[in-house]
């Protein structure tokens, strides 16, 4: 699970979608809502 979080945050930073704090906050919310499905949507 931690690798998924790190990968998603890294991609957000690389593409300039969000700053680091926002990326971590949003990803944490996504994990709370759905353990896997929504996280894969971000990575893909």
N, C-alpha and C. Protein backbone atom coordinates (compact mmCIF):
# COMPACT_ATOMS: atom_id res chain seq x y z
N UNK A 1 0.83 -1.20 0.00
CA UNK A 1 0.00 0.00 0.00
C UNK A 1 0.86 1.25 0.00
N UNK A 2 1.97 1.24 0.75
CA UNK A 2 2.83 2.42 0.80
C UNK A 2 3.45 2.71 -0.56
N UNK A 3 3.80 1.68 -1.30
CA UNK A 3 4.37 1.90 -2.62
C UNK A 3 3.36 2.57 -3.54
N UNK A 4 2.10 2.18 -3.43
CA UNK A 4 1.06 2.80 -4.25
C UNK A 4 0.94 4.28 -3.93
N UNK A 5 0.98 4.61 -2.64
CA UNK A 5 0.87 6.01 -2.23
C UNK A 5 2.05 6.81 -2.78
N UNK A 6 3.25 6.29 -2.60
CA UNK A 6 4.45 7.00 -3.04
C UNK A 6 4.43 7.18 -4.56
N UNK A 7 4.05 6.14 -5.30
CA UNK A 7 4.01 6.24 -6.76
C UNK A 7 3.02 7.30 -7.21
N UNK A 8 1.85 7.33 -6.59
CA UNK A 8 0.82 8.29 -6.96
C UNK A 8 1.28 9.71 -6.68
N UNK A 9 1.82 9.93 -5.49
CA UNK A 9 2.29 11.27 -5.12
C UNK A 9 3.41 11.71 -6.06
N UNK A 10 4.32 10.80 -6.36
CA UNK A 10 5.43 11.13 -7.25
C UNK A 10 4.93 11.54 -8.63
N UNK A 11 3.97 10.80 -9.16
CA UNK A 11 3.43 11.14 -10.48
C UNK A 11 2.71 12.48 -10.45
N UNK A 12 2.00 12.76 -9.38
CA UNK A 12 1.33 14.06 -9.25
C UNK A 12 2.36 15.19 -9.29
N UNK A 13 3.48 14.99 -8.58
CA UNK A 13 4.52 16.01 -8.55
C UNK A 13 5.18 16.18 -9.91
N UNK A 14 5.46 15.06 -10.56
CA UNK A 14 6.14 15.12 -11.86
C UNK A 14 5.28 15.87 -12.88
N UNK A 15 3.99 15.62 -12.87
CA UNK A 15 3.11 16.25 -13.84
C UNK A 15 2.59 17.61 -13.36
N UNK A 16 3.01 18.02 -12.15
CA UNK A 16 2.68 19.34 -11.65
C UNK A 16 1.20 19.54 -11.35
N UNK A 17 0.50 18.48 -11.00
CA UNK A 17 -0.93 18.57 -10.74
C UNK A 17 -1.22 19.20 -9.38
N UNK A 18 -0.40 18.87 -8.39
CA UNK A 18 -0.63 19.35 -7.04
C UNK A 18 0.71 19.48 -6.34
N UNK A 19 0.74 20.27 -5.27
CA UNK A 19 1.97 20.28 -4.47
C UNK A 19 1.97 19.08 -3.52
N UNK A 20 3.08 18.86 -2.84
CA UNK A 20 3.26 17.63 -2.07
C UNK A 20 2.20 17.46 -0.99
N UNK A 21 1.94 18.50 -0.22
CA UNK A 21 0.98 18.41 0.88
C UNK A 21 -0.41 18.05 0.37
N UNK A 22 -0.85 18.70 -0.70
CA UNK A 22 -2.17 18.42 -1.26
C UNK A 22 -2.25 16.99 -1.77
N UNK A 23 -1.18 16.54 -2.41
CA UNK A 23 -1.16 15.19 -2.95
C UNK A 23 -1.31 14.15 -1.84
N UNK A 24 -0.54 14.32 -0.76
CA UNK A 24 -0.64 13.38 0.35
C UNK A 24 -2.02 13.42 1.00
N UNK A 25 -2.56 14.63 1.19
CA UNK A 25 -3.87 14.77 1.83
C UNK A 25 -4.94 14.10 1.00
N UNK A 26 -4.95 14.38 -0.30
CA UNK A 26 -5.97 13.83 -1.18
C UNK A 26 -5.85 12.30 -1.25
N UNK A 27 -4.63 11.81 -1.36
CA UNK A 27 -4.41 10.37 -1.45
C UNK A 27 -4.87 9.68 -0.16
N UNK A 28 -4.63 10.32 0.99
CA UNK A 28 -5.07 9.74 2.26
C UNK A 28 -6.59 9.61 2.28
N UNK A 29 -7.28 10.62 1.76
CA UNK A 29 -8.74 10.58 1.70
C UNK A 29 -9.19 9.44 0.79
N UNK A 30 -8.53 9.28 -0.35
CA UNK A 30 -8.88 8.21 -1.28
C UNK A 30 -8.72 6.85 -0.63
N UNK A 31 -7.64 6.65 0.11
CA UNK A 31 -7.41 5.37 0.79
C UNK A 31 -8.52 5.11 1.81
N UNK A 32 -8.94 6.15 2.52
CA UNK A 32 -10.01 5.98 3.51
C UNK A 32 -11.29 5.51 2.81
N UNK A 33 -11.57 6.04 1.62
CA UNK A 33 -12.80 5.73 0.92
C UNK A 33 -12.78 4.33 0.32
N UNK A 34 -11.64 3.96 -0.27
CA UNK A 34 -11.57 2.69 -0.99
C UNK A 34 -10.14 2.18 -0.97
N UNK A 35 -9.93 0.98 -0.41
CA UNK A 35 -8.59 0.46 -0.18
C UNK A 35 -7.78 0.29 -1.47
N UNK A 36 -8.43 0.03 -2.61
CA UNK A 36 -7.65 -0.24 -3.82
C UNK A 36 -8.18 0.49 -5.06
N UNK A 37 -9.45 0.40 -5.33
CA UNK A 37 -10.01 0.85 -6.61
C UNK A 37 -9.63 2.26 -7.02
N UNK A 38 -9.88 3.23 -6.14
CA UNK A 38 -9.62 4.62 -6.50
C UNK A 38 -8.14 4.92 -6.62
N UNK A 39 -7.33 4.20 -5.86
CA UNK A 39 -5.88 4.40 -5.95
C UNK A 39 -5.39 3.99 -7.34
N UNK A 40 -5.89 2.89 -7.86
CA UNK A 40 -5.49 2.45 -9.19
C UNK A 40 -5.91 3.47 -10.24
N UNK A 41 -7.07 4.12 -10.05
CA UNK A 41 -7.51 5.15 -10.99
C UNK A 41 -6.49 6.27 -11.08
N UNK A 42 -5.91 6.66 -9.95
CA UNK A 42 -4.90 7.72 -9.94
C UNK A 42 -3.64 7.27 -10.67
N UNK A 43 -3.21 6.05 -10.44
CA UNK A 43 -1.95 5.57 -11.01
C UNK A 43 -2.09 5.37 -12.52
N UNK A 44 -3.21 4.88 -12.96
CA UNK A 44 -3.44 4.66 -14.39
C UNK A 44 -3.82 5.98 -15.02
